[in-house]
Structures are given as structure tokens and as C-alpha cells.
Amino acid sequence: MALTLTEREPALRTFIESVVGVRDPIGVLSATVGIEAGPVSGGRPAWEITIENDLATLRRGGALGRAPRGRLDELSAHVAELVDPAAAGRGRALYVALESGSVHEAALPRALPTGARVGPVAHVLPLLQALEEGVPAGLITSSKDMVVIFESELGRAHEIDRIELEPWVGDWWPEMKGPSRANPLRGQHTVSQRDRYSRRIAEAYRHTLHDACEALSAVAARRRWSRAVLAGDPRTIDSLRRALQDRGLSTTTIGGNLESLRSDQALERLESALEQAVVEDALVRARGIVEDAAAGGRGACGLEAVLVALNQARVASLLVDPSCTFSGTVESTDILRAADDEAAAVDLTDLIVSRALSTGAAVIPLPADAAGALGGCGGIAAGLRW
């Protein structure tokens, strides 16, 4: 069965919710792939080699050894589809419960890290990172005459609307004329009153711009944007930015006008600024939690403190560095502990994420450029409910 491309944030959230609760006595295989852009030239693609090497390592280590033979045959077919360059999406994810045989598959417009692993629960951090960095956002360019609205979601950007800014001037708006001020005794002589006419045009433009701000605000609310990047004529962009900020959006303004660029070049500039805005927002959030923890407020810094709060269901938001692995032990009551004895430690990373999600916490994998903010916390911190 062909992979179906997931292009909207709610659909990805629903998929993650369906996967994070999967449990299996043998284990859950998690495999994600990042398809490189462009044609594959010669030999086998790198992502296919990486997945096959990871699966071979899992077989040698015995992680797949208890799976029924028929299950492994089915798995081979799913993996072949996962690495197929012609399949939908640059990012693919496959989750297989090795004993029960339940299968969950997704394809995304943006690439995912390539790798495979087996654990007690699904490894959903790559999907959570794609979700965090791919929430719906507005990309707006504006000239004096036109507002062009793009939307970025899950790594795909496309134009969704245009708003005309040129005020409509019909035949009923002839050039204004009146008595000549220089010679009031000869009031029958008329001259063009260009200043008054210009002021009238300017007032009409202000009304048009106000309507455009209202229209853009409505689009932002309807499309559930959390942030926006704007570029263009300062005479219009400042008003549009204020309108979005009034909606509670985080906004970034690019200096310079993009009118001289092709649409794809302008979009590339906007997307680059959006990526930087995501990093900056993550940095602010991480630093705030670390500072709260240091001040004895509602923050936890480091694995031990986070696990204590997590076991008590006090975590409201969990921030993790996706490049880190968190080791510890699981007690018979499903209590997660930091390991005192490294020899007895197991990888708790996916269990921590699963526990956080099951208790209603938001899990936020930090972008690589923002993960340094958690360096003093060992790559993990949490904002607490109390």
C-alpha cells in the first residue's frame, strides 16, 4: 500500500498520538528516513544503506530474533517501501509492533533523520521535532500595491492568497477642481486641486490597508498560525505586522524589499528567516525554564530532577536535546529513575517521552542551534505545573 503524504499539522499530531501508546512484549521497531532532494545517481542511496545496516545490527544483537518469521517477511516489504525514492514525501516513518504485527506508517514533506531501533515504546522524537519546527506559519511579502500570503507547514510552503492594496478609483472620482485661490475675484476660473485629491487618495489607501490587515488577521486565525515572517514595503509591512502581533503571533521582519526577486527566491529568504525564528523562540523558552529551575521556581534542570517531576505528573513541558541519550532504570511500578549503577542502566529516552505525552505534557525537541541552552542540564529540562 502506497504511503500517504501527511501535509497538515493536526494529522501528524493524530498520528503521533496513535503511535506513542503502542506497546509490545517483544518490542516496537521504529524506523525513519530522510530522502535527499534530487535524483539518485549511481549505486544505492545512502538512506537505504543506513537503514539496512541498522536492521542488520538489530538482528545480530537479537532485537529482532524473537519476532515470528512471517513478521520479518512483512517487515522487509514495509522497509522496501520506506526507502523507495519514488514514494511520497522526503521524510518517512515506520513503526511495527513485532509480536502483534500492528503497523503505523507516515510520510512528511520534510526529511527525517535516518535510522532504525527497537525499544519498549515507539521512538517518536523525530516526528515531534518535525511537528515543533513545522507548525503553521505565515510568510508574507508586500509591495505598495499587493500583499502575497504564503503558508509554511511541515516543511512545505505554498501561496494561499493575495490581497490587492491599490484603492479602487472609479469614474465617480474625477480630478477635483475648484476656484483659484490666487485670484478670488475671478472665482469662475477653476484650477486642479491636486493636494486635496492626493489627500483623498491617501485616505482611501489607509482604508484599503486597514481592510488588508483585517483580512490577514482572519487568515492567521483560520489557519492557526503561531508565527509569521514579513518582508516588503515599510509603508505596508509595519501595519500588517502590528495586526498579526495583536493576534498573539510571534513576528519577524526581514529588512529590504523582495519585489525584485523571483517568487521562489523570495520564498527561500522567508523560509530561512522562519527557521531562524524557530531557533530563537526555542532558545527563549529553554533559557526561561533553566532560569526558573536555578531560582527554585517552576522548572527542573537535569535528568534526576526531571524524572522526579515526571513520576509525579508535574511536568507541563519537556525540553530535550534530540542528540542526547538518557539512561536509567525502570522500577516494577513503572517509576523511572536515574541510574546509580551504569551497568544496570537502560536507555530511558523513549520511555521519558512516552510518559510525558501520556501525562499531557508538551514534548519539545530543541533544534540543534538551540540545544546548547540545555548544556548545563545534561540536555533535558522541564517546565512544571506546580
Protein backbone atom coordinates (compact mmCIF):
# COMPACT_ATOMS: atom_id res chain seq x y z
CA MET A 1 0.00 0.00 0.00
CA ALA A 2 1.43 3.39 -1.01
CA LEU A 3 2.41 5.83 1.71
CA THR A 4 0.01 8.75 2.15
CA LEU A 5 1.64 12.16 2.48
CA THR A 6 0.82 13.95 5.75
CA GLU A 7 0.78 17.67 4.99
CA ARG A 8 -1.21 19.16 7.88
CA GLU A 9 -0.14 19.56 11.49
CA PRO A 10 -3.35 18.10 13.05
CA ALA A 11 -2.93 14.92 11.01
CA LEU A 12 0.64 14.48 12.28
CA ARG A 13 -0.45 15.10 15.86
CA THR A 14 -3.11 12.42 15.49
CA PHE A 15 -0.56 10.00 14.05
CA ILE A 16 1.86 10.59 16.94
CA GLU A 17 -0.94 10.02 19.46
CA SER A 18 -1.79 6.70 17.79
CA VAL A 19 1.84 5.55 17.83
CA VAL A 20 3.03 6.70 21.24
CA GLY A 21 0.70 4.31 23.05
CA VAL A 22 1.88 1.20 21.18
CA ARG A 23 3.31 -1.47 23.48
CA ASP A 24 4.56 -4.94 22.54
CA PRO A 25 6.06 -7.84 24.53
CA ILE A 26 8.89 -8.30 22.02
CA GLY A 27 9.39 -4.63 21.20
CA VAL A 28 8.47 -1.87 18.78
CA LEU A 29 10.59 -1.31 15.69
CA SER A 30 10.93 2.39 14.84
CA ALA A 31 12.48 3.38 11.51
CA THR A 32 12.69 6.86 10.00
CA VAL A 33 14.21 8.01 6.72
CA GLY A 34 15.32 11.31 5.23
CA ILE A 35 15.21 11.24 1.43
CA GLU A 36 17.81 13.51 -0.12
CA ALA A 37 16.50 16.03 -2.64
CA GLY A 38 17.30 15.48 -6.31
CA PRO A 39 17.82 12.38 -8.44
CA VAL A 40 19.82 9.42 -7.18
CA SER A 41 22.90 8.95 -9.33
CA GLY A 42 24.65 5.58 -9.40
CA GLY A 43 24.61 2.88 -6.76
CA ARG A 44 22.22 2.65 -3.86
CA PRO A 45 21.04 5.74 -1.98
CA ALA A 46 22.68 6.48 1.35
CA TRP A 47 19.44 6.29 3.32
CA GLU A 48 18.79 2.74 2.12
CA ILE A 49 22.28 1.62 3.14
CA THR A 50 21.90 3.21 6.59
CA ILE A 51 18.56 1.52 7.27
CA GLU A 52 19.86 -1.88 6.13
CA ASN A 53 22.95 -1.52 8.31
CA ASP A 54 20.82 -0.61 11.35
CA LEU A 55 18.49 -3.57 10.76
CA ALA A 56 21.48 -5.91 10.39
CA THR A 57 22.84 -4.64 13.71
CA LEU A 58 19.47 -5.26 15.37
CA ARG A 59 19.38 -8.81 14.00
CA ARG A 60 22.89 -9.57 15.23
CA GLY A 61 22.06 -8.14 18.65
CA GLY A 62 18.95 -10.31 18.92
CA ALA A 63 16.45 -7.43 18.97
CA LEU A 64 14.54 -8.99 16.05
CA GLY A 65 15.27 -12.61 16.93
CA ARG A 66 12.02 -13.29 18.78
CA ALA A 67 9.79 -11.90 16.04
CA PRO A 68 7.81 -14.55 14.07
CA ARG A 69 9.29 -15.45 10.69
CA GLY A 70 6.21 -14.19 8.88
CA ARG A 71 6.52 -10.88 10.68
CA LEU A 72 10.07 -10.42 9.39
CA ASP A 73 8.90 -11.10 5.83
CA GLU A 74 6.20 -8.44 6.21
CA LEU A 75 8.79 -6.10 7.70
CA SER A 76 11.02 -6.46 4.64
CA ALA A 77 8.16 -5.34 2.39
CA HIS A 78 7.46 -2.29 4.56
CA VAL A 79 11.15 -1.34 4.67
CA ALA A 80 11.40 -1.58 0.87
CA GLU A 81 8.56 0.93 0.61
CA LEU A 82 10.15 3.12 3.30
CA VAL A 83 13.37 3.61 1.30
CA ASP A 84 11.78 3.77 -2.17
CA PRO A 85 12.89 7.09 -3.79
CA ALA A 86 9.62 7.20 -5.78
CA ALA A 87 7.36 7.01 -2.70
CA ALA A 88 5.63 10.08 -1.30
CA GLY A 89 7.43 12.53 0.98
CA ARG A 90 11.05 13.25 1.83
CA GLY A 91 10.52 12.01 5.40
CA ARG A 92 9.09 8.57 6.10
CA ALA A 93 8.37 6.81 9.39
CA LEU A 94 7.56 3.14 10.06
CA TYR A 95 6.51 1.63 13.39
CA VAL A 96 5.92 -2.13 13.76
CA ALA A 97 4.88 -4.00 16.92
CA LEU A 98 7.00 -7.14 16.45
CA GLU A 99 4.64 -9.62 18.13
CA SER A 100 1.17 -8.21 17.48
CA GLY A 101 2.09 -7.06 13.97
CA SER A 102 0.36 -3.66 14.15
CA VAL A 103 1.90 -1.27 11.61
CA HIS A 104 1.88 2.53 11.52
CA GLU A 105 3.32 4.45 8.57
CA ALA A 106 3.59 8.14 7.70
CA ALA A 107 5.22 10.32 5.06
CA LEU A 108 6.09 14.00 5.52
CA PRO A 109 7.21 16.77 3.13
CA ARG A 110 10.33 17.42 5.24
CA ALA A 111 13.17 14.94 5.74
CA LEU A 112 13.56 12.98 8.98
CA PRO A 113 16.79 11.61 10.47
CA THR A 114 17.60 8.18 9.05
CA GLY A 115 17.86 5.26 11.46
CA ALA A 116 16.18 2.18 12.96
CA ARG A 117 15.88 0.96 16.54
CA VAL A 118 13.84 -1.44 18.70
CA GLY A 119 12.55 -0.45 22.12
CA PRO A 120 9.67 -0.96 24.53
CA VAL A 121 7.84 2.03 23.00
CA ALA A 122 7.95 3.90 19.71
CA HIS A 123 10.75 6.39 19.03
CA VAL A 124 8.68 9.47 18.15
CA LEU A 125 11.23 12.22 18.86
CA PRO A 126 11.94 12.73 15.11
CA LEU A 127 8.22 13.28 14.47
CA LEU A 128 7.90 15.62 17.45
CA GLN A 129 10.80 17.68 16.13
CA ALA A 130 9.19 17.88 12.69
CA LEU A 131 5.97 18.93 14.40
CA GLU A 132 7.61 21.58 16.57
CA GLU A 133 9.53 23.11 13.67
CA GLY A 134 6.68 22.72 11.18
CA VAL A 135 3.67 24.29 12.89
CA PRO A 136 1.66 26.50 10.51
CA ALA A 137 3.34 29.86 9.91
CA GLY A 138 2.69 32.80 7.63
CA LEU A 139 5.20 34.09 5.10
CA ILE A 140 4.11 37.49 3.81
CA THR A 141 5.58 39.77 1.16
CA SER A 142 4.11 43.17 0.48
CA SER A 143 4.53 45.95 -2.05
CA LYS A 144 2.58 49.19 -2.11
CA ASP A 145 0.00 47.52 -4.33
CA MET A 146 -0.16 43.87 -3.28
CA VAL A 147 0.14 41.54 -0.29
CA VAL A 148 1.14 37.97 -1.18
CA ILE A 149 0.48 35.37 1.52
CA PHE A 150 2.36 32.08 1.71
CA GLU A 151 1.97 29.40 4.34
CA SER A 152 4.63 27.03 5.65
CA GLU A 153 3.55 23.81 7.34
CA LEU A 154 5.56 20.64 8.00
CA GLY A 155 8.28 21.77 5.60
CA ARG A 156 6.00 22.66 2.68
CA ALA A 157 5.42 26.28 1.67
CA HIS A 158 2.84 27.42 -0.88
CA GLU A 159 0.88 30.53 -1.80
CA ILE A 160 -2.60 30.69 -0.31
CA ASP A 161 -3.89 34.20 -1.06
CA ARG A 162 -3.27 37.67 -2.49
CA ILE A 163 -4.71 40.97 -1.30
CA GLU A 164 -4.91 44.00 -3.59
CA LEU A 165 -3.85 47.23 -1.91
CA GLU A 166 -4.46 49.70 -4.75
CA PRO A 167 -7.58 51.70 -3.74
CA TRP A 168 -10.37 51.49 -6.28
CA VAL A 169 -10.88 54.81 -8.05
CA GLY A 170 -13.82 54.84 -10.45
CA ASP A 171 -15.29 57.35 -12.88
CA TRP A 172 -17.15 58.91 -9.98
CA TRP A 173 -13.74 60.10 -8.67
CA PRO A 174 -12.84 62.69 -11.29
CA GLU A 175 -9.95 65.02 -10.72
CA MET A 176 -11.07 67.59 -8.13
CA LYS A 177 -11.31 71.20 -9.29
CA GLY A 178 -12.28 74.49 -7.64
CA PRO A 179 -11.81 78.30 -7.56
CA SER A 180 -8.31 79.63 -7.96
CA ARG A 181 -7.08 80.87 -4.59
CA ALA A 182 -4.65 83.26 -6.21
CA ASN A 183 -7.50 85.34 -7.72
CA PRO A 184 -10.65 85.02 -5.61
CA LEU A 185 -12.29 87.91 -7.52
CA ARG A 186 -12.33 85.66 -10.55
CA GLY A 187 -13.79 82.61 -8.78
CA GLN A 188 -15.27 81.42 -12.05
CA HIS A 189 -11.77 80.37 -13.02
CA THR A 190 -11.08 76.81 -11.87
CA VAL A 191 -7.82 75.00 -11.26
CA SER A 192 -6.88 71.45 -10.37
CA GLN A 193 -6.87 70.90 -6.59
CA ARG A 194 -4.16 68.24 -6.63
CA ASP A 195 -3.30 68.43 -2.91
CA ARG A 196 -6.87 67.73 -1.85
CA TYR A 197 -7.13 64.97 -4.42
CA SER A 198 -3.88 63.38 -3.18
CA ARG A 199 -5.09 63.52 0.40
CA ARG A 200 -8.31 61.84 -0.68
CA ILE A 201 -6.36 59.06 -2.42
CA ALA A 202 -4.14 58.65 0.68
CA GLU A 203 -7.20 58.33 2.90
CA ALA A 204 -8.66 55.73 0.57
CA TYR A 205 -5.35 53.83 0.70
CA ARG A 206 -5.41 53.87 4.51
CA HIS A 207 -8.88 52.33 4.44
CA THR A 208 -7.68 49.70 1.96
CA LEU A 209 -4.65 48.88 4.13
CA HIS A 210 -6.88 48.59 7.19
CA ASP A 211 -9.10 46.13 5.34
CA ALA A 212 -5.99 44.17 4.29
CA CYS A 213 -4.84 43.97 7.91
CA GLU A 214 -8.24 42.64 8.92
CA ALA A 215 -8.16 40.10 6.11
CA LEU A 216 -4.65 38.93 7.04
CA SER A 217 -5.63 38.61 10.71
CA ALA A 218 -8.58 36.47 9.70
CA VAL A 219 -6.33 34.20 7.62
CA ALA A 220 -3.91 33.84 10.55
CA ALA A 221 -6.72 32.85 12.90
CA ARG A 222 -8.34 30.46 10.43
CA ARG A 223 -5.06 28.76 9.55
CA ARG A 224 -3.91 28.64 13.22
CA TRP A 225 -0.57 30.38 12.68
CA SER A 226 1.72 30.76 15.68
CA ARG A 227 4.36 32.91 13.97
CA ALA A 228 4.90 34.88 10.79
CA VAL A 229 7.75 36.34 8.74
CA LEU A 230 7.15 39.53 6.78
CA ALA A 231 9.12 41.42 4.16
CA GLY A 232 8.37 44.34 1.89
CA ASP A 233 7.41 47.98 1.67
CA PRO A 234 7.68 49.59 5.15
CA ARG A 235 4.58 51.67 4.38
CA THR A 236 2.50 48.49 4.49
CA ILE A 237 4.53 45.89 6.35
CA ASP A 238 4.52 47.71 9.70
CA SER A 239 0.72 47.82 9.76
CA LEU A 240 0.45 44.15 8.79
CA ARG A 241 2.97 43.17 11.46
CA ARG A 242 1.07 45.04 14.18
CA ALA A 243 -2.16 43.37 13.12
CA LEU A 244 -0.58 39.91 13.48
CA GLN A 245 1.01 40.79 16.82
CA ASP A 246 -2.42 41.85 18.07
CA ARG A 247 -3.47 38.26 17.26
CA GLY A 248 -0.70 36.99 19.55
CA LEU A 249 1.66 35.86 16.79
CA SER A 250 5.43 35.97 17.06
CA THR A 251 6.62 38.02 14.09
CA THR A 252 9.93 38.55 12.30
CA THR A 253 10.51 41.30 9.74
CA ILE A 254 13.16 40.95 7.03
CA GLY A 255 14.95 44.13 6.12
CA GLY A 256 14.82 45.03 2.45
CA ASN A 257 12.23 44.62 -0.26
CA LEU A 258 11.93 41.26 -2.03
CA GLU A 259 9.98 42.59 -5.03
CA SER A 260 13.00 42.33 -7.32
CA LEU A 261 13.39 38.60 -6.60
CA ARG A 262 11.63 35.71 -8.28
CA SER A 263 8.85 34.14 -6.23
CA ASP A 264 10.92 31.06 -5.38
CA GLN A 265 13.89 33.20 -4.31
CA ALA A 266 11.72 35.40 -2.11
CA LEU A 267 10.14 32.31 -0.58
CA GLU A 268 13.58 30.86 0.14
CA ARG A 269 14.54 34.05 2.01
CA LEU A 270 11.32 33.92 4.03
CA GLU A 271 11.75 30.24 4.90
CA SER A 272 15.32 30.84 6.03
CA ALA A 273 14.14 33.63 8.34
CA LEU A 274 11.39 31.34 9.64
CA GLU A 275 13.93 28.65 10.56
CA GLN A 276 15.94 31.22 12.49
CA ALA A 277 12.79 32.45 14.24
CA VAL A 278 12.02 28.87 15.37
CA VAL A 279 15.53 28.60 16.84
CA GLU A 280 15.25 31.95 18.63
CA ASP A 281 11.84 31.07 20.10
CA ALA A 282 13.24 27.74 21.34
CA LEU A 283 16.22 29.49 22.92
CA VAL A 284 13.98 31.92 24.79
CA ARG A 285 11.81 29.08 26.07
CA ALA A 286 14.75 26.93 27.15
CA ARG A 287 16.57 29.77 28.90
CA GLY A 288 13.40 30.72 30.75
CA ILE A 289 12.94 27.20 32.12
CA VAL A 290 16.61 26.88 33.11
CA GLU A 291 16.45 30.23 34.91
CA ASP A 292 13.26 29.16 36.73
CA ALA A 293 14.97 25.96 37.85
CA ALA A 294 18.02 27.87 39.09
CA ALA A 295 15.81 30.29 41.03
CA GLY A 296 13.83 27.48 42.67
CA GLY A 297 10.74 28.23 40.59
CA ARG A 298 8.60 26.01 38.41
CA GLY A 299 11.44 24.47 36.46
CA ALA A 300 13.51 21.28 36.64
CA CYS A 301 17.03 21.00 35.21
CA GLY A 302 18.83 17.69 34.66
CA LEU A 303 17.69 14.09 34.34
CA GLU A 304 17.23 13.31 38.04
CA ALA A 305 15.09 16.38 38.76
CA VAL A 306 13.05 15.87 35.59
CA LEU A 307 12.34 12.20 36.37
CA VAL A 308 11.15 13.06 39.89
CA ALA A 309 8.69 15.58 38.44
CA LEU A 310 7.69 13.23 35.63
CA ASN A 311 6.87 10.40 38.05
CA GLN A 312 4.61 12.83 39.90
CA ALA A 313 2.93 14.02 36.66
CA ARG A 314 4.06 17.59 37.39
CA VAL A 315 5.71 18.21 34.02
CA ALA A 316 3.89 20.72 31.80
CA SER A 317 6.55 20.95 29.08
CA LEU A 318 9.55 18.71 28.50
CA LEU A 319 12.54 20.15 26.62
CA VAL A 320 15.10 17.70 25.26
CA ASP A 321 18.19 17.75 23.11
CA PRO A 322 17.39 15.08 20.47
CA SER A 323 21.06 14.20 20.12
CA CYS A 324 21.25 13.06 23.76
CA THR A 325 20.52 9.63 25.25
CA PHE A 326 19.15 9.44 28.79
CA SER A 327 20.00 6.32 30.77
CA GLY A 328 18.41 4.98 33.94
CA THR A 329 16.31 2.19 35.39
CA VAL A 330 12.63 1.25 35.41
CA GLU A 331 11.21 0.01 38.71
CA SER A 332 8.46 -2.60 38.89
CA THR A 333 5.90 0.15 39.48
CA ASP A 334 6.95 1.82 36.20
CA ILE A 335 8.81 4.51 38.11
CA LEU A 336 11.70 5.96 36.09
CA ARG A 337 14.94 6.59 37.95
CA ALA A 338 18.31 8.00 37.06
CA ALA A 339 20.85 5.15 37.26
CA ASP A 340 23.23 4.87 40.18
CA ASP A 341 24.80 1.78 38.63
CA GLU A 342 25.73 2.30 34.99
CA ALA A 343 25.87 -1.46 34.42
CA ALA A 344 22.15 -1.75 35.23
CA ALA A 345 21.13 1.28 33.17
CA VAL A 346 18.95 1.12 30.06
CA ASP A 347 18.02 3.76 27.52
CA LEU A 348 15.08 5.69 29.00
CA THR A 349 14.79 8.29 26.24
CA ASP A 350 11.67 6.95 24.54
CA LEU A 351 10.06 5.98 27.85
CA ILE A 352 10.58 9.53 29.12
CA VAL A 353 8.95 10.99 26.02
CA SER A 354 6.09 8.49 26.17
CA ARG A 355 5.48 9.18 29.88
CA ALA A 356 5.46 12.94 29.28
CA LEU A 357 2.95 12.67 26.44
CA SER A 358 0.71 10.26 28.37
CA THR A 359 0.52 12.75 31.27
CA GLY A 360 -0.47 15.62 28.98
CA ALA A 361 2.92 17.34 28.83
CA ALA A 362 4.19 19.06 25.70
CA VAL A 363 7.42 17.50 24.43
CA ILE A 364 9.71 19.98 22.68
CA PRO A 365 12.85 18.67 20.96
CA LEU A 366 15.15 21.65 20.54
CA PRO A 367 16.74 22.50 17.18
CA ALA A 368 20.49 21.85 17.07
CA ASP A 369 21.29 25.59 17.22
CA ALA A 370 19.19 25.97 20.38
CA ALA A 371 20.11 22.75 22.20
CA GLY A 372 23.19 24.39 23.75
CA ALA A 373 20.86 26.19 26.15
CA LEU A 374 20.39 22.84 27.92
CA GLY A 375 24.11 22.10 28.10
CA GLY A 376 24.22 22.74 31.84
CA CYS A 377 21.23 20.45 32.35
CA GLY A 378 22.61 17.44 30.53
CA GLY A 379 20.30 18.00 27.60
CA ILE A 380 16.97 17.80 29.45
CA ALA A 381 14.78 20.26 31.39
CA ALA A 382 11.12 20.71 32.21
CA GLY A 383 8.61 23.42 32.95
CA LEU A 384 6.45 22.30 35.88
CA ARG A 385 2.77 22.58 36.65
CA TRP A 386 3.48 23.31 40.29
